[in-house]
């Protein structure tokens, strides 16, 4: 690890692992959304109803992948298919009340976990870390050409 970027690569790999630690146990008990549902629901909540084509553009995924993911979300009652509110041909996916409450519960659990991890951090350190993460993600989005809407 002779360069800071090597350490960042290693630490982001570990971060991805840590974020998934409780997922299999929690999913078996019905307590968690899978990662793709969490991400798709987050985007649909931010943007409003979206078609497969819009989701494909937003995520850079092929339609077949998104068809599988949205079909699972439909079966779980997390989204519903609606006619395009703007009159287009494609049907769109809208988050349901169940999907919204599942997303809220998942996000609250994530925030609670983060607060436990950073309990000993100063407010300035937490704010600085949030700023660096935002900068890191927005630079990735800029290079990828797919900005993520932010609240």
N, C-alpha and C. Protein backbone atom coordinates (compact mmCIF):
# COMPACT_ATOMS: atom_id res chain seq x y z
N UNK A 1 0.84 -1.18 0.00
CA UNK A 1 0.00 0.00 0.00
C UNK A 1 0.89 1.24 0.00
N UNK A 2 1.58 1.43 -1.11
CA UNK A 2 2.55 2.52 -1.16
C UNK A 2 1.95 3.84 -1.63
N UNK A 3 0.68 3.88 -2.00
CA UNK A 3 0.02 5.12 -2.40
C UNK A 3 -1.30 5.24 -1.65
N UNK A 4 -1.72 6.46 -1.37
CA UNK A 4 -3.02 6.62 -0.70
C UNK A 4 -4.17 6.00 -1.48
N UNK A 5 -4.11 6.02 -2.81
CA UNK A 5 -5.20 5.42 -3.59
C UNK A 5 -5.28 3.91 -3.37
N UNK A 6 -4.15 3.26 -3.08
CA UNK A 6 -4.17 1.83 -2.78
C UNK A 6 -4.92 1.57 -1.47
N UNK A 7 -4.68 2.42 -0.49
CA UNK A 7 -5.36 2.29 0.79
C UNK A 7 -6.86 2.60 0.63
N UNK A 8 -7.19 3.59 -0.17
CA UNK A 8 -8.61 3.91 -0.41
C UNK A 8 -9.30 2.73 -1.08
N UNK A 9 -8.66 2.11 -2.06
CA UNK A 9 -9.24 0.95 -2.73
C UNK A 9 -9.51 -0.16 -1.72
N UNK A 10 -8.54 -0.42 -0.88
CA UNK A 10 -8.68 -1.47 0.12
C UNK A 10 -9.81 -1.15 1.11
N UNK A 11 -9.82 0.07 1.60
CA UNK A 11 -10.83 0.46 2.58
C UNK A 11 -12.24 0.51 1.98
N UNK A 12 -12.39 0.88 0.71
CA UNK A 12 -13.72 0.86 0.10
C UNK A 12 -14.19 -0.57 -0.12
N UNK A 13 -13.26 -1.49 -0.39
CA UNK A 13 -13.62 -2.90 -0.47
C UNK A 13 -14.16 -3.37 0.87
N UNK A 14 -13.48 -3.02 1.95
CA UNK A 14 -13.95 -3.40 3.29
C UNK A 14 -15.28 -2.74 3.62
N UNK A 15 -15.44 -1.50 3.23
CA UNK A 15 -16.70 -0.80 3.47
C UNK A 15 -17.85 -1.54 2.81
N UNK A 16 -17.68 -1.98 1.57
CA UNK A 16 -18.71 -2.76 0.89
C UNK A 16 -19.03 -4.04 1.64
N UNK A 17 -18.03 -4.67 2.20
CA UNK A 17 -18.24 -5.89 2.99
C UNK A 17 -19.00 -5.58 4.26
N UNK A 18 -18.60 -4.54 4.97
CA UNK A 18 -19.24 -4.18 6.23
C UNK A 18 -20.70 -3.80 6.03
N UNK A 19 -21.01 -3.14 4.93
CA UNK A 19 -22.39 -2.73 4.69
C UNK A 19 -23.31 -3.92 4.47
N UNK A 20 -22.75 -5.06 4.08
CA UNK A 20 -23.56 -6.24 3.81
C UNK A 20 -23.58 -7.23 4.97
N UNK A 21 -22.92 -6.96 6.05
CA UNK A 21 -22.75 -7.95 7.11
C UNK A 21 -24.05 -8.53 7.65
N UNK A 22 -25.00 -7.75 8.05
CA UNK A 22 -26.22 -8.29 8.65
C UNK A 22 -27.28 -8.68 7.64
N UNK A 23 -27.05 -8.44 6.36
CA UNK A 23 -28.12 -8.59 5.36
C UNK A 23 -28.69 -10.00 5.27
N UNK A 24 -27.89 -11.07 5.15
CA UNK A 24 -28.51 -12.38 4.99
C UNK A 24 -29.39 -12.78 6.17
N UNK A 25 -28.93 -12.55 7.39
CA UNK A 25 -29.73 -12.89 8.58
C UNK A 25 -31.01 -12.08 8.61
N UNK A 26 -30.91 -10.78 8.37
CA UNK A 26 -32.08 -9.92 8.45
C UNK A 26 -33.09 -10.25 7.36
N UNK A 27 -32.61 -10.59 6.15
CA UNK A 27 -33.53 -10.92 5.05
C UNK A 27 -34.30 -12.20 5.37
N UNK A 28 -33.65 -13.18 5.98
CA UNK A 28 -34.34 -14.44 6.31
C UNK A 28 -35.48 -14.17 7.28
N UNK A 29 -35.29 -13.20 8.16
CA UNK A 29 -36.36 -12.89 9.12
C UNK A 29 -37.34 -11.88 8.55
N UNK A 30 -37.17 -11.49 7.29
CA UNK A 30 -38.09 -10.57 6.64
C UNK A 30 -37.84 -9.13 7.01
N UNK A 31 -36.67 -8.83 7.57
CA UNK A 31 -36.45 -7.49 8.07
C UNK A 31 -35.66 -6.55 7.18
N UNK A 32 -35.23 -6.96 6.00
CA UNK A 32 -34.41 -6.06 5.20
C UNK A 32 -34.78 -6.14 3.73
N UNK A 33 -34.58 -5.01 3.07
CA UNK A 33 -34.66 -4.98 1.61
C UNK A 33 -33.33 -5.44 1.07
N UNK A 34 -33.32 -6.10 -0.10
CA UNK A 34 -32.02 -6.40 -0.68
C UNK A 34 -31.44 -5.11 -1.26
N UNK A 35 -30.15 -5.15 -1.54
CA UNK A 35 -29.44 -3.95 -1.96
C UNK A 35 -30.04 -3.32 -3.21
N UNK A 36 -30.42 -4.16 -4.20
CA UNK A 36 -30.96 -3.59 -5.44
C UNK A 36 -32.31 -2.92 -5.18
N UNK A 37 -33.17 -3.53 -4.36
CA UNK A 37 -34.46 -2.92 -4.06
C UNK A 37 -34.27 -1.61 -3.31
N UNK A 38 -33.35 -1.60 -2.37
CA UNK A 38 -33.09 -0.38 -1.60
C UNK A 38 -32.65 0.76 -2.51
N UNK A 39 -31.75 0.45 -3.43
CA UNK A 39 -31.23 1.48 -4.32
C UNK A 39 -32.29 1.94 -5.32
N UNK A 40 -33.02 0.98 -5.92
CA UNK A 40 -34.06 1.34 -6.88
C UNK A 40 -35.18 2.14 -6.21
N UNK A 41 -35.62 1.70 -5.04
CA UNK A 41 -36.67 2.44 -4.34
C UNK A 41 -36.21 3.85 -3.98
N UNK A 42 -34.96 3.98 -3.58
CA UNK A 42 -34.42 5.30 -3.25
C UNK A 42 -34.49 6.23 -4.46
N UNK A 43 -34.12 5.69 -5.62
CA UNK A 43 -34.13 6.51 -6.84
C UNK A 43 -35.55 6.87 -7.26
N UNK A 44 -36.45 5.90 -7.21
CA UNK A 44 -37.83 6.15 -7.60
C UNK A 44 -38.47 7.17 -6.65
N UNK A 45 -38.14 7.08 -5.37
CA UNK A 45 -38.67 8.07 -4.43
C UNK A 45 -38.17 9.47 -4.78
N UNK A 46 -36.91 9.59 -5.14
CA UNK A 46 -36.33 10.90 -5.45
C UNK A 46 -36.89 11.48 -6.75
N UNK A 47 -37.08 10.63 -7.77
CA UNK A 47 -37.44 11.11 -9.10
C UNK A 47 -38.93 11.00 -9.40
N UNK A 48 -39.65 10.17 -8.66
CA UNK A 48 -41.03 9.88 -9.00
C UNK A 48 -41.08 8.66 -9.91
N UNK A 49 -42.26 8.32 -10.42
CA UNK A 49 -42.39 7.12 -11.24
C UNK A 49 -41.39 7.08 -12.40
N UNK A 50 -40.82 5.89 -12.63
CA UNK A 50 -39.81 5.73 -13.67
C UNK A 50 -40.10 4.47 -14.48
N UNK A 51 -39.80 4.53 -15.78
CA UNK A 51 -39.94 3.38 -16.67
C UNK A 51 -38.66 2.55 -16.63
N UNK A 52 -38.73 1.37 -17.22
CA UNK A 52 -37.53 0.53 -17.34
C UNK A 52 -36.44 1.30 -18.09
N UNK A 53 -36.80 1.99 -19.15
CA UNK A 53 -35.81 2.76 -19.91
C UNK A 53 -35.16 3.84 -19.08
N UNK A 54 -35.95 4.54 -18.28
CA UNK A 54 -35.38 5.58 -17.41
C UNK A 54 -34.48 4.97 -16.33
N UNK A 55 -34.90 3.85 -15.78
CA UNK A 55 -34.06 3.17 -14.79
C UNK A 55 -32.76 2.68 -15.43
N UNK A 56 -32.86 2.18 -16.64
CA UNK A 56 -31.67 1.71 -17.36
C UNK A 56 -30.68 2.85 -17.57
N UNK A 57 -31.20 4.01 -17.99
CA UNK A 57 -30.34 5.18 -18.18
C UNK A 57 -29.73 5.63 -16.85
N UNK A 58 -30.53 5.62 -15.81
CA UNK A 58 -30.07 6.11 -14.50
C UNK A 58 -28.99 5.23 -13.89
N UNK A 59 -29.13 3.90 -14.07
CA UNK A 59 -28.24 2.96 -13.41
C UNK A 59 -27.18 2.36 -14.33
N UNK A 60 -27.35 2.54 -15.64
CA UNK A 60 -26.41 1.93 -16.57
C UNK A 60 -26.54 0.41 -16.60
N UNK A 61 -27.75 -0.09 -16.37
CA UNK A 61 -28.02 -1.53 -16.38
C UNK A 61 -28.89 -1.87 -17.57
N UNK A 62 -28.78 -3.11 -18.05
CA UNK A 62 -29.61 -3.51 -19.18
C UNK A 62 -31.03 -3.79 -18.70
N UNK A 63 -31.96 -3.73 -19.65
CA UNK A 63 -33.37 -3.88 -19.34
C UNK A 63 -33.69 -5.23 -18.71
N UNK A 64 -33.00 -6.29 -19.13
CA UNK A 64 -33.31 -7.62 -18.58
C UNK A 64 -32.99 -7.68 -17.08
N UNK A 65 -31.90 -7.07 -16.68
CA UNK A 65 -31.55 -7.02 -15.25
C UNK A 65 -32.62 -6.25 -14.48
N UNK A 66 -33.01 -5.10 -15.02
CA UNK A 66 -34.02 -4.29 -14.35
C UNK A 66 -35.39 -4.96 -14.36
N UNK A 67 -35.70 -5.70 -15.42
CA UNK A 67 -36.96 -6.44 -15.43
C UNK A 67 -37.01 -7.46 -14.30
N UNK A 68 -35.91 -8.17 -14.06
CA UNK A 68 -35.86 -9.14 -12.96
C UNK A 68 -36.01 -8.43 -11.61
N UNK A 69 -35.27 -7.34 -11.44
CA UNK A 69 -35.31 -6.64 -10.16
C UNK A 69 -36.68 -6.02 -9.89
N UNK A 70 -37.28 -5.39 -10.91
CA UNK A 70 -38.58 -4.77 -10.71
C UNK A 70 -39.68 -5.82 -10.55
N UNK A 71 -39.54 -6.97 -11.22
CA UNK A 71 -40.52 -8.05 -11.05
C UNK A 71 -40.51 -8.53 -9.60
N UNK A 72 -39.34 -8.66 -9.01
CA UNK A 72 -39.24 -9.08 -7.60
C UNK A 72 -39.87 -8.02 -6.69
N UNK A 73 -39.65 -6.76 -7.02
CA UNK A 73 -40.23 -5.69 -6.21
C UNK A 73 -41.76 -5.64 -6.36
N UNK A 74 -42.26 -5.92 -7.57
CA UNK A 74 -43.71 -6.00 -7.79
C UNK A 74 -44.31 -7.12 -6.95
N UNK A 75 -43.67 -8.31 -6.99
CA UNK A 75 -44.17 -9.47 -6.23
C UNK A 75 -44.19 -9.17 -4.72
N UNK A 76 -43.20 -8.42 -4.28
CA UNK A 76 -43.11 -8.09 -2.85
C UNK A 76 -44.03 -6.93 -2.45
N UNK A 77 -44.67 -6.31 -3.43
CA UNK A 77 -45.57 -5.20 -3.14
C UNK A 77 -44.87 -3.89 -2.86
N UNK A 78 -43.61 -3.78 -3.28
CA UNK A 78 -42.83 -2.56 -3.01
C UNK A 78 -43.07 -1.46 -4.03
N UNK A 79 -43.42 -1.87 -5.25
CA UNK A 79 -43.74 -0.93 -6.33
C UNK A 79 -45.01 -1.42 -7.03
N UNK A 80 -45.60 -0.53 -7.80
CA UNK A 80 -46.73 -0.89 -8.65
C UNK A 80 -46.48 -0.28 -10.02
N UNK A 81 -47.08 -0.90 -11.03
CA UNK A 81 -46.99 -0.39 -12.40
C UNK A 81 -48.16 0.54 -12.64
N UNK A 82 -47.86 1.70 -13.22
CA UNK A 82 -48.91 2.67 -13.51
C UNK A 82 -48.72 3.19 -14.93
N UNK A 83 -49.78 3.71 -15.54
CA UNK A 83 -49.59 4.39 -16.82
C UNK A 83 -48.71 5.61 -16.62
N UNK A 84 -47.99 6.00 -17.65
CA UNK A 84 -47.13 7.18 -17.57
C UNK A 84 -48.00 8.40 -17.24
N UNK A 85 -47.75 9.08 -16.12
CA UNK A 85 -48.53 10.26 -15.76
C UNK A 85 -48.43 11.38 -16.80
N UNK A 86 -47.37 11.36 -17.61
CA UNK A 86 -47.17 12.39 -18.63
C UNK A 86 -47.70 11.95 -20.00
N UNK A 87 -48.39 10.82 -20.04
CA UNK A 87 -49.02 10.38 -21.28
C UNK A 87 -48.16 9.56 -22.22
N UNK A 88 -46.97 9.18 -21.81
CA UNK A 88 -46.11 8.35 -22.66
C UNK A 88 -46.64 6.93 -22.78
N UNK A 89 -46.01 6.17 -23.66
CA UNK A 89 -46.45 4.80 -23.91
C UNK A 89 -46.00 3.85 -22.79
N UNK A 90 -44.78 4.00 -22.33
CA UNK A 90 -44.20 3.07 -21.36
C UNK A 90 -44.90 3.19 -20.01
N UNK A 91 -45.11 2.04 -19.38
CA UNK A 91 -45.64 2.04 -18.02
C UNK A 91 -44.48 2.36 -17.07
N UNK A 92 -44.84 2.91 -15.94
CA UNK A 92 -43.82 3.31 -14.98
C UNK A 92 -44.02 2.59 -13.66
N UNK A 93 -42.95 2.57 -12.89
CA UNK A 93 -42.98 1.98 -11.56
C UNK A 93 -43.08 3.10 -10.53
N UNK A 94 -44.05 2.92 -9.63
CA UNK A 94 -44.25 3.89 -8.55
C UNK A 94 -44.10 3.14 -7.24
N UNK A 95 -43.46 3.77 -6.29
CA UNK A 95 -43.28 3.16 -4.97
C UNK A 95 -44.65 3.08 -4.27
N UNK A 96 -44.90 1.96 -3.62
CA UNK A 96 -46.15 1.77 -2.87
C UNK A 96 -45.95 2.24 -1.43
N UNK A 97 -47.05 2.28 -0.69
CA UNK A 97 -46.93 2.61 0.74
C UNK A 97 -46.04 1.59 1.45
N UNK A 98 -46.20 0.31 1.07
CA UNK A 98 -45.37 -0.74 1.68
C UNK A 98 -43.89 -0.54 1.31
N UNK A 99 -43.64 -0.18 0.06
CA UNK A 99 -42.27 0.09 -0.37
C UNK A 99 -41.69 1.28 0.36
N UNK A 100 -42.48 2.33 0.52
CA UNK A 100 -42.01 3.53 1.22
C UNK A 100 -41.70 3.23 2.68
N UNK A 101 -42.58 2.45 3.34
CA UNK A 101 -42.32 2.14 4.75
C UNK A 101 -41.12 1.21 4.89
N UNK A 102 -40.96 0.27 3.96
CA UNK A 102 -39.77 -0.59 3.99
C UNK A 102 -38.49 0.19 3.77
N UNK A 103 -38.55 1.14 2.84
CA UNK A 103 -37.38 1.99 2.58
C UNK A 103 -37.07 2.85 3.80
N UNK A 104 -38.10 3.42 4.41
CA UNK A 104 -37.88 4.23 5.62
C UNK A 104 -37.28 3.41 6.75
N UNK A 105 -37.78 2.19 6.93
CA UNK A 105 -37.27 1.33 8.00
C UNK A 105 -35.82 0.94 7.74
N UNK A 106 -35.52 0.60 6.49
CA UNK A 106 -34.15 0.23 6.12
C UNK A 106 -33.20 1.40 6.35
N UNK A 107 -33.62 2.58 5.89
CA UNK A 107 -32.78 3.77 6.05
C UNK A 107 -32.58 4.08 7.53
N UNK A 108 -33.63 3.98 8.34
CA UNK A 108 -33.50 4.24 9.78
C UNK A 108 -32.52 3.25 10.42
N UNK A 109 -32.58 1.99 10.01
CA UNK A 109 -31.63 1.00 10.53
C UNK A 109 -30.21 1.32 10.12
N UNK A 110 -30.03 1.73 8.87
CA UNK A 110 -28.69 2.11 8.40
C UNK A 110 -28.15 3.30 9.18
N UNK A 111 -29.00 4.30 9.39
CA UNK A 111 -28.57 5.50 10.12
C UNK A 111 -28.24 5.15 11.56
N UNK A 112 -29.05 4.31 12.17
CA UNK A 112 -28.78 3.88 13.54
C UNK A 112 -27.43 3.17 13.63
N UNK A 113 -27.15 2.30 12.67
CA UNK A 113 -25.86 1.62 12.65
C UNK A 113 -24.70 2.58 12.48
N UNK A 114 -24.87 3.55 11.59
CA UNK A 114 -23.81 4.55 11.39
C UNK A 114 -23.59 5.37 12.66
N UNK A 115 -24.67 5.71 13.33
CA UNK A 115 -24.54 6.49 14.56
C UNK A 115 -23.81 5.70 15.64
N UNK A 116 -24.01 4.38 15.68
CA UNK A 116 -23.28 3.54 16.64
C UNK A 116 -21.79 3.51 16.29
N UNK A 117 -21.49 3.35 15.00
CA UNK A 117 -20.08 3.29 14.58
C UNK A 117 -19.37 4.60 14.90
N UNK A 118 -20.06 5.72 14.69
CA UNK A 118 -19.42 7.03 14.84
C UNK A 118 -19.74 7.70 16.17
N UNK A 119 -20.18 6.92 17.15
CA UNK A 119 -20.57 7.48 18.45
C UNK A 119 -19.45 8.29 19.10
N UNK A 120 -18.22 7.89 18.90
CA UNK A 120 -17.10 8.59 19.51
C UNK A 120 -16.52 9.70 18.64
N UNK A 121 -17.11 9.94 17.50
CA UNK A 121 -16.61 10.98 16.60
C UNK A 121 -17.17 12.34 17.00
N UNK A 122 -16.40 13.37 16.76
CA UNK A 122 -16.90 14.72 17.00
C UNK A 122 -17.87 15.09 15.87
N UNK A 123 -18.79 16.02 16.14
CA UNK A 123 -19.68 16.48 15.06
C UNK A 123 -18.92 17.00 13.84
N UNK A 124 -17.78 17.65 14.09
CA UNK A 124 -16.97 18.15 12.97
C UNK A 124 -16.41 17.01 12.13
N UNK A 125 -15.97 15.93 12.79
CA UNK A 125 -15.45 14.78 12.06
C UNK A 125 -16.55 14.11 11.23
N UNK A 126 -17.74 13.98 11.81
CA UNK A 126 -18.86 13.38 11.07
C UNK A 126 -19.20 14.24 9.86
N UNK A 127 -19.26 15.55 10.04
CA UNK A 127 -19.57 16.46 8.93
C UNK A 127 -18.48 16.41 7.86
N UNK A 128 -17.23 16.36 8.27
CA UNK A 128 -16.13 16.29 7.29
C UNK A 128 -16.20 14.99 6.49
N UNK A 129 -16.46 13.88 7.18
CA UNK A 129 -16.58 12.59 6.50
C UNK A 129 -17.73 12.61 5.50
N UNK A 130 -18.87 13.17 5.92
CA UNK A 130 -20.03 13.29 5.01
C UNK A 130 -19.66 14.13 3.79
N UNK A 131 -18.93 15.18 4.00
CA UNK A 131 -18.50 16.03 2.89
C UNK A 131 -17.58 15.30 1.92
N UNK A 132 -16.64 14.55 2.45
CA UNK A 132 -15.73 13.79 1.59
C UNK A 132 -16.47 12.69 0.83
N UNK A 133 -17.41 12.01 1.49
CA UNK A 133 -18.19 10.98 0.79
C UNK A 133 -19.02 11.58 -0.34
N UNK A 134 -19.63 12.73 -0.07
CA UNK A 134 -20.41 13.40 -1.11
C UNK A 134 -19.51 13.77 -2.28
N UNK A 135 -18.37 14.34 -1.98
CA UNK A 135 -17.43 14.73 -3.04
C UNK A 135 -16.97 13.50 -3.83
N UNK A 136 -16.65 12.43 -3.15
CA UNK A 136 -16.20 11.19 -3.78
C UNK A 136 -17.30 10.67 -4.72
N UNK A 137 -18.53 10.57 -4.22
CA UNK A 137 -19.63 10.06 -5.04
C UNK A 137 -19.95 10.98 -6.21
N UNK A 138 -19.98 12.28 -5.99
CA UNK A 138 -20.32 13.18 -7.10
C UNK A 138 -19.23 13.17 -8.17
N UNK A 139 -17.99 12.96 -7.79
CA UNK A 139 -16.92 12.84 -8.80
C UNK A 139 -17.06 11.54 -9.59
N UNK A 140 -17.45 10.46 -8.94
CA UNK A 140 -17.72 9.20 -9.66
C UNK A 140 -18.87 9.42 -10.63
N UNK A 141 -19.94 10.05 -10.16
CA UNK A 141 -21.10 10.30 -11.01
C UNK A 141 -20.74 11.20 -12.20
N UNK A 142 -19.90 12.18 -11.97
CA UNK A 142 -19.47 13.07 -13.05
C UNK A 142 -18.72 12.28 -14.12
N UNK A 143 -17.81 11.41 -13.71
CA UNK A 143 -17.05 10.61 -14.66
C UNK A 143 -17.94 9.60 -15.39
N UNK A 144 -18.94 9.08 -14.69
CA UNK A 144 -19.84 8.09 -15.25
C UNK A 144 -20.94 8.74 -16.10
N UNK A 145 -21.17 10.03 -15.88
CA UNK A 145 -22.22 10.72 -16.63
C UNK A 145 -23.61 10.45 -16.11
N UNK A 146 -23.71 9.94 -14.89
CA UNK A 146 -25.02 9.62 -14.31
C UNK A 146 -25.14 10.24 -12.92
N UNK A 147 -25.48 11.52 -12.86
CA UNK A 147 -25.62 12.14 -11.53
C UNK A 147 -26.80 11.56 -10.77
N UNK A 148 -26.65 11.46 -9.48
CA UNK A 148 -27.70 10.95 -8.60
C UNK A 148 -28.40 12.15 -7.98
N UNK A 149 -29.73 12.18 -8.02
CA UNK A 149 -30.42 13.30 -7.38
C UNK A 149 -30.20 13.26 -5.87
N UNK A 150 -30.07 14.42 -5.31
CA UNK A 150 -29.85 14.52 -3.86
C UNK A 150 -30.96 15.38 -3.24
N UNK A 151 -31.27 15.08 -1.98
CA UNK A 151 -32.31 15.87 -1.31
C UNK A 151 -31.88 17.32 -1.11
